[in-house]
Amino acid sequence: MTGFSGTQPSAELLARVRAGEVGGIILFGSNIANDRSARSLVARLQSEAAAGGNPPLLIATDQEGGEVRRFPDGPPDEAEADVTSVGQARANGTATGAFLRHVGVNVDLAPVLDSPSSPANFLGSRAYGADPSRNAAFGRAFVTALQAQRVAATAKHFPGLGTAPANTDDGHVWITTPKSQLDVRLAPFAAAVRAGVDLVMVSNAGYRGYDPSGLPAVLSRRIVNGLLRKRLGFRGVVISDTMGAPGPSGHADAALVAVEAGTDVLLELSDEQSTTAFRQLFAAAKSGKLPLADLRAADARIAKLKSSLR
């Protein structure tokens, strides 16, 4: 999944979409002139994918609510921290799903299911609050309502950034919270998995309690495969947070390691970065370094999701 600059994709990006080298696009505010142009943009991208004989693209955006809305005129109006009831969370999911479906977006990179331990946590108003049980109820309501509109929800940032001492976009963050306390904060993610959430976004922080090596979660097989898939039973699509962040980008062959850990979709913010990642994975698959069985398993999960969103 790649981002791009401007309100129109480059000829190079369109060629990559047509060639099947891109399976998804993320839209940011800088890509969206208005709702009508965004709908036209998405239609053009999907047309290029179809022209190459490829499945439809996943078209994603961050429509969390409040200040984090790539479509500023779209719901939810209030931030997650201002949601006060399950009914309100459900209504937000329904409205958001209907809006995004209208403009051609089929993946919402929301809801945020972290449980901040302090008001000073960098997530601020993006999270529902400090109570994991409350967050589980609100998150489940948003997820099920959003997906009823055939827009995939994304539970993030697994296994939780509630005790993160800093923003993972600014530096590699290690979370030293004991495993027992981390487990308590898994409740919203477990509830989302039970509710059938389509995607889970894995964070770029390292969690000593889950993987003593301190590897960013997205690169950790103990966390992606062991904790998320085996312990919580998640069978859907695992998506990375931005692979260009300091955590994963500091590791050689990060794209390869992330896929080996069980990540299905690599989120790159530029066409240049996604081209590099694609070439790394293609070379690793061709040489046998990356088992085709792993790629086929990821492909099957992504194909199932894409089919459900048609």
Protein backbone atom coordinates (compact mmCIF):
# COMPACT_ATOMS: atom_id res chain seq x y z
CA MET A 1 0.00 0.00 0.00
CA THR A 2 1.50 3.29 -1.04
CA GLY A 3 0.96 6.99 -0.63
CA PHE A 4 1.78 9.57 -3.28
CA SER A 5 2.23 13.31 -3.66
CA GLY A 6 -0.37 15.73 -5.01
CA THR A 7 -3.95 15.29 -6.10
CA GLN A 8 -3.16 13.19 -9.17
CA PRO A 9 -1.10 9.99 -9.37
CA SER A 10 2.03 10.04 -11.50
CA ALA A 11 2.32 8.08 -14.72
CA GLU A 12 4.85 5.86 -12.93
CA LEU A 13 2.41 5.04 -10.12
CA LEU A 14 -0.39 4.30 -12.58
CA ALA A 15 1.93 1.96 -14.46
CA ARG A 16 2.77 0.14 -11.24
CA VAL A 17 -0.92 -0.20 -10.39
CA ARG A 18 -1.58 -1.61 -13.85
CA ALA A 19 1.34 -4.02 -13.49
CA GLY A 20 0.02 -5.34 -10.18
CA GLU A 21 2.94 -4.00 -8.12
CA VAL A 22 0.59 -2.00 -5.89
CA GLY A 23 -2.29 -3.55 -4.00
CA GLY A 24 -3.51 -0.50 -2.12
CA ILE A 25 -3.39 3.28 -1.93
CA ILE A 26 -3.54 5.47 1.17
CA LEU A 27 -5.08 8.92 0.80
CA PHE A 28 -3.97 11.87 2.91
CA GLY A 29 -5.43 15.34 3.09
CA SER A 30 -2.92 16.58 0.51
CA ASN A 31 -4.34 14.12 -2.02
CA ILE A 32 -7.93 15.33 -1.61
CA ALA A 33 -9.01 18.59 -3.26
CA ASN A 34 -12.68 17.86 -2.53
CA ASP A 35 -15.01 14.90 -2.25
CA ARG A 36 -15.90 14.88 -5.93
CA SER A 37 -12.30 14.93 -7.10
CA ALA A 38 -11.42 12.21 -4.60
CA ARG A 39 -14.16 9.99 -6.00
CA SER A 40 -12.81 10.60 -9.51
CA LEU A 41 -9.26 9.87 -8.35
CA VAL A 42 -10.27 6.57 -6.81
CA ALA A 43 -12.21 5.58 -9.93
CA ARG A 44 -9.13 6.26 -12.06
CA LEU A 45 -6.91 4.17 -9.81
CA GLN A 46 -9.38 1.28 -9.76
CA SER A 47 -9.71 1.50 -13.55
CA GLU A 48 -5.94 1.12 -13.94
CA ALA A 49 -5.94 -1.91 -11.66
CA ALA A 50 -8.74 -3.52 -13.66
CA ALA A 51 -6.99 -2.71 -16.96
CA GLY A 52 -4.04 -4.78 -15.81
CA GLY A 53 -6.27 -7.70 -14.87
CA ASN A 54 -5.70 -7.13 -11.17
CA PRO A 55 -8.09 -7.30 -8.20
CA PRO A 56 -9.55 -4.00 -6.94
CA LEU A 57 -7.27 -1.85 -4.85
CA LEU A 58 -7.65 -1.31 -1.15
CA ILE A 59 -8.21 2.45 -0.85
CA ALA A 60 -7.47 3.56 2.71
CA THR A 61 -7.55 6.74 4.74
CA ASP A 62 -7.37 7.85 8.36
CA GLN A 63 -10.90 8.94 9.21
CA GLU A 64 -10.70 8.64 12.99
CA GLY A 65 -12.69 11.71 14.02
CA GLY A 66 -11.97 15.16 15.36
CA GLU A 67 -8.72 16.54 14.00
CA VAL A 68 -7.65 13.28 12.37
CA ARG A 69 -9.94 13.31 9.36
CA ARG A 70 -8.42 13.26 5.89
CA PHE A 71 -11.87 14.25 4.62
CA PRO A 72 -12.48 17.29 6.87
CA ASP A 73 -16.15 17.52 5.91
CA GLY A 74 -16.79 13.85 6.65
CA PRO A 75 -17.77 12.15 9.91
CA PRO A 76 -17.03 11.57 12.73
CA ASP A 77 -17.15 15.19 13.81
CA GLU A 78 -15.95 14.52 17.34
CA ALA A 79 -12.68 12.91 18.38
CA GLU A 80 -12.78 9.47 19.98
CA ALA A 81 -12.10 11.03 23.40
CA ASP A 82 -15.39 12.94 23.09
CA VAL A 83 -17.52 9.85 22.44
CA THR A 84 -19.68 9.19 25.50
CA SER A 85 -21.76 6.12 24.67
CA VAL A 86 -21.83 2.88 22.70
CA GLY A 87 -24.73 4.30 20.70
CA GLN A 88 -22.69 7.32 19.70
CA ALA A 89 -19.78 5.12 18.64
CA ARG A 90 -22.16 2.98 16.59
CA ALA A 91 -23.73 6.03 14.93
CA ASN A 92 -20.26 7.34 14.08
CA GLY A 93 -19.35 4.04 12.47
CA THR A 94 -22.50 4.01 10.35
CA ALA A 95 -22.10 7.61 9.20
CA THR A 96 -18.39 7.23 8.50
CA GLY A 97 -18.89 4.04 6.53
CA ALA A 98 -21.62 5.55 4.37
CA PHE A 99 -19.52 8.65 3.67
CA LEU A 100 -16.34 6.76 2.79
CA ARG A 101 -18.20 4.29 0.61
CA HIS A 102 -19.66 7.21 -1.35
CA VAL A 103 -16.22 8.63 -2.15
CA GLY A 104 -14.77 5.22 -3.03
CA VAL A 105 -12.70 4.57 0.09
CA ASN A 106 -13.05 0.97 1.29
CA VAL A 107 -10.67 0.90 4.29
CA ASP A 108 -10.80 3.20 7.30
CA LEU A 109 -7.61 3.11 9.35
CA ALA A 110 -9.70 3.42 12.50
CA PRO A 111 -10.63 2.99 15.30
CA VAL A 112 -7.74 3.78 17.63
CA LEU A 113 -8.00 1.14 20.40
CA ASP A 114 -5.06 2.15 22.55
CA SER A 115 -5.74 2.86 26.23
CA PRO A 116 -3.55 5.82 27.27
CA SER A 117 -2.28 5.57 30.82
CA SER A 118 -1.82 9.33 31.08
CA PRO A 119 -3.34 12.48 29.55
CA ALA A 120 0.21 13.29 28.45
CA ASN A 121 0.27 10.31 26.08
CA PHE A 122 1.01 11.50 22.54
CA LEU A 123 -2.28 10.08 21.20
CA GLY A 124 -4.22 12.79 23.02
CA SER A 125 -7.88 12.90 21.98
CA ARG A 126 -7.43 10.21 19.33
CA ALA A 127 -8.20 7.41 21.83
CA TYR A 128 -11.50 6.74 23.58
CA GLY A 129 -9.89 6.89 27.01
CA ALA A 130 -7.94 5.09 29.70
CA ASP A 131 -10.43 2.30 30.47
CA PRO A 132 -9.76 -0.78 28.29
CA SER A 133 -13.23 -2.24 28.97
CA ARG A 134 -14.96 0.96 27.87
CA ASN A 135 -12.70 1.19 24.85
CA ALA A 136 -13.56 -2.39 23.95
CA ALA A 137 -17.29 -1.63 23.94
CA PHE A 138 -16.95 1.62 21.98
CA GLY A 139 -14.48 0.14 19.51
CA ARG A 140 -16.62 -2.93 18.87
CA ALA A 141 -19.63 -0.73 18.15
CA PHE A 142 -17.71 1.44 15.70
CA VAL A 143 -16.17 -1.56 13.93
CA THR A 144 -19.41 -3.45 13.40
CA ALA A 145 -21.31 -0.37 12.22
CA LEU A 146 -18.57 0.74 9.84
CA GLN A 147 -18.22 -2.71 8.31
CA ALA A 148 -21.98 -3.00 7.87
CA GLN A 149 -21.47 -0.27 5.24
CA ARG A 150 -18.87 -2.47 3.48
CA VAL A 151 -15.95 -0.36 4.59
CA ALA A 152 -13.24 -2.29 6.40
CA ALA A 153 -12.26 -1.18 9.89
CA THR A 154 -8.71 -1.26 11.26
CA ALA A 155 -7.98 -1.83 14.94
CA LYS A 156 -4.84 0.12 15.82
CA HIS A 157 -2.11 0.29 17.13
CA PHE A 158 -1.63 -3.33 18.24
CA PRO A 159 -0.70 -4.36 20.90
CA GLY A 160 -1.23 -0.84 22.24
CA LEU A 161 0.54 2.50 22.55
CA GLY A 162 -1.18 3.53 25.77
CA THR A 163 2.04 3.47 27.77
CA ALA A 164 4.34 4.65 24.98
CA PRO A 165 6.71 7.38 26.24
CA ALA A 166 6.86 9.08 22.83
CA ASN A 167 5.42 9.13 19.31
CA THR A 168 6.68 6.24 17.17
CA ASP A 169 6.71 8.56 14.15
CA ASP A 170 9.50 10.58 15.76
CA GLY A 171 11.84 7.88 17.02
CA HIS A 172 12.14 4.20 17.87
CA VAL A 173 10.08 3.72 21.02
CA TRP A 174 10.58 0.89 23.50
CA ILE A 175 7.70 0.11 25.84
CA THR A 176 8.90 -1.40 29.10
CA THR A 177 5.48 -1.90 30.68
CA PRO A 178 5.25 -5.36 32.30
CA LYS A 179 3.47 -8.07 30.34
CA SER A 180 0.66 -8.31 32.90
CA GLN A 181 -0.21 -4.63 32.36
CA LEU A 182 0.13 -4.91 28.60
CA ASP A 183 -2.30 -7.84 28.69
CA VAL A 184 -4.96 -5.67 30.33
CA ARG A 185 -4.70 -3.22 27.44
CA LEU A 186 -5.29 -6.00 24.92
CA ALA A 187 -9.00 -6.06 25.78
CA PRO A 188 -10.15 -3.60 23.05
CA PHE A 189 -8.20 -5.50 20.40
CA ALA A 190 -9.53 -8.84 21.56
CA ALA A 191 -13.07 -7.45 21.41
CA ALA A 192 -12.50 -6.14 17.89
CA VAL A 193 -11.15 -9.52 16.77
CA ARG A 194 -14.21 -11.27 18.21
CA ALA A 195 -16.41 -8.74 16.39
CA GLY A 196 -14.79 -9.67 13.07
CA VAL A 197 -12.62 -6.61 12.45
CA ASP A 198 -11.15 -6.83 8.96
CA LEU A 199 -7.69 -5.41 9.64
CA VAL A 200 -5.36 -4.92 12.58
CA MET A 201 -2.55 -2.35 12.36
CA VAL A 202 0.57 -3.38 14.24
CA SER A 203 2.61 -0.65 15.87
CA ASN A 204 6.24 0.33 15.36
CA ALA A 205 7.12 0.28 19.07
CA GLY A 206 9.15 -2.45 20.71
CA TYR A 207 7.54 -4.36 23.61
CA ARG A 208 10.01 -5.97 25.99
CA GLY A 209 7.19 -7.76 27.78
CA TYR A 210 6.16 -9.59 24.62
CA ASP A 211 9.48 -9.81 22.77
CA PRO A 212 12.64 -9.29 24.85
CA SER A 213 14.60 -8.52 21.68
CA GLY A 214 12.88 -5.14 21.49
CA LEU A 215 12.10 -5.54 17.79
CA PRO A 216 9.36 -3.20 16.56
CA ALA A 217 6.08 -5.10 16.85
CA VAL A 218 5.58 -5.09 13.08
CA LEU A 219 8.85 -7.02 12.69
CA SER A 220 8.24 -9.41 15.58
CA ARG A 221 6.93 -12.88 14.81
CA ARG A 222 6.30 -13.36 18.52
CA ILE A 223 3.86 -10.44 18.45
CA VAL A 224 2.25 -10.71 15.00
CA ASN A 225 2.03 -14.47 14.68
CA GLY A 226 2.23 -15.53 18.31
CA LEU A 227 0.21 -12.87 20.14
CA LEU A 228 -2.19 -11.58 17.50
CA ARG A 229 -2.85 -14.63 15.37
CA LYS A 230 -2.41 -17.53 17.80
CA ARG A 231 -3.39 -16.07 21.16
CA LEU A 232 -6.15 -13.68 20.00
CA GLY A 233 -7.16 -15.83 17.04
CA PHE A 234 -7.09 -13.08 14.41
CA ARG A 235 -7.62 -14.45 10.90
CA GLY A 236 -7.90 -11.21 8.97
CA VAL A 237 -5.39 -8.87 7.34
CA VAL A 238 -2.45 -7.49 9.31
CA ILE A 239 -1.28 -4.08 8.13
CA SER A 240 1.82 -2.24 9.25
CA ASP A 241 1.97 1.28 10.52
CA THR A 242 4.20 3.38 8.28
CA MET A 243 7.29 1.36 7.42
CA GLY A 244 9.29 4.56 7.03
CA ALA A 245 9.11 5.28 10.77
CA PRO A 246 12.36 5.15 12.77
CA GLY A 247 11.57 1.77 14.33
CA PRO A 248 11.29 -0.51 11.29
CA SER A 249 13.32 1.67 8.92
CA GLY A 250 16.37 1.19 11.13
CA HIS A 251 16.46 -2.51 10.30
CA ALA A 252 17.97 -3.98 7.16
CA ASP A 253 15.45 -5.76 4.96
CA ALA A 254 12.57 -4.45 7.08
CA ALA A 255 9.98 -5.30 4.41
CA LEU A 256 11.15 -8.91 4.30
CA VAL A 257 11.28 -9.24 8.10
CA ALA A 258 7.78 -7.77 8.44
CA VAL A 259 6.31 -10.30 6.01
CA GLU A 260 8.19 -13.14 7.70
CA ALA A 261 6.68 -11.96 11.00
CA GLY A 262 3.18 -12.34 9.52
CA THR A 263 2.39 -8.83 8.26
CA ASP A 264 0.23 -8.91 5.12
CA VAL A 265 0.15 -5.28 3.95
CA LEU A 266 3.17 -2.99 4.13
CA LEU A 267 2.21 0.67 4.39
CA GLU A 268 4.71 2.92 2.60
CA LEU A 269 4.07 6.64 2.43
CA SER A 270 5.71 7.32 -0.94
CA ASP A 271 5.84 5.65 -4.32
CA GLU A 272 9.63 5.56 -4.09
CA GLN A 273 9.56 3.70 -0.76
CA SER A 274 6.92 1.24 -1.93
CA THR A 275 8.90 0.55 -5.12
CA THR A 276 11.95 -0.30 -3.04
CA ALA A 277 9.94 -2.59 -0.75
CA PHE A 278 8.32 -4.34 -3.71
CA ARG A 279 11.69 -5.02 -5.31
CA GLN A 280 13.09 -6.37 -2.05
CA LEU A 281 10.18 -8.76 -1.61
CA PHE A 282 10.21 -9.84 -5.25
CA ALA A 283 13.94 -10.62 -5.11
CA ALA A 284 13.54 -12.50 -1.82
CA ALA A 285 10.68 -14.56 -3.21
CA LYS A 286 12.56 -15.31 -6.43
CA SER A 287 15.67 -16.44 -4.54
CA GLY A 288 13.70 -18.60 -2.13
CA LYS A 289 14.67 -16.50 0.88
CA LEU A 290 11.01 -15.62 1.38
CA PRO A 291 8.87 -18.78 1.23
CA LEU A 292 6.11 -18.64 -1.36
CA ALA A 293 3.80 -20.28 1.18
CA ASP A 294 3.99 -17.14 3.34
CA LEU A 295 3.18 -14.90 0.37
CA ARG A 296 0.32 -17.13 -0.73
CA ALA A 297 -1.17 -17.09 2.78
CA ALA A 298 -1.02 -13.29 2.88
CA ASP A 299 -2.44 -13.09 -0.63
CA ALA A 300 -5.36 -15.32 0.32
CA ARG A 301 -6.23 -13.12 3.29
CA ILE A 302 -6.03 -9.94 1.22
CA ALA A 303 -8.04 -11.48 -1.64
CA LYS A 304 -10.77 -12.52 0.78
CA LEU A 305 -10.95 -8.98 2.17
CA LYS A 306 -11.06 -7.40 -1.28
CA SER A 307 -13.81 -9.77 -2.37
CA SER A 308 -15.93 -8.82 0.66
CA LEU A 309 -15.65 -5.13 -0.17
CA ARG A 310 -16.82 -5.26 -3.79
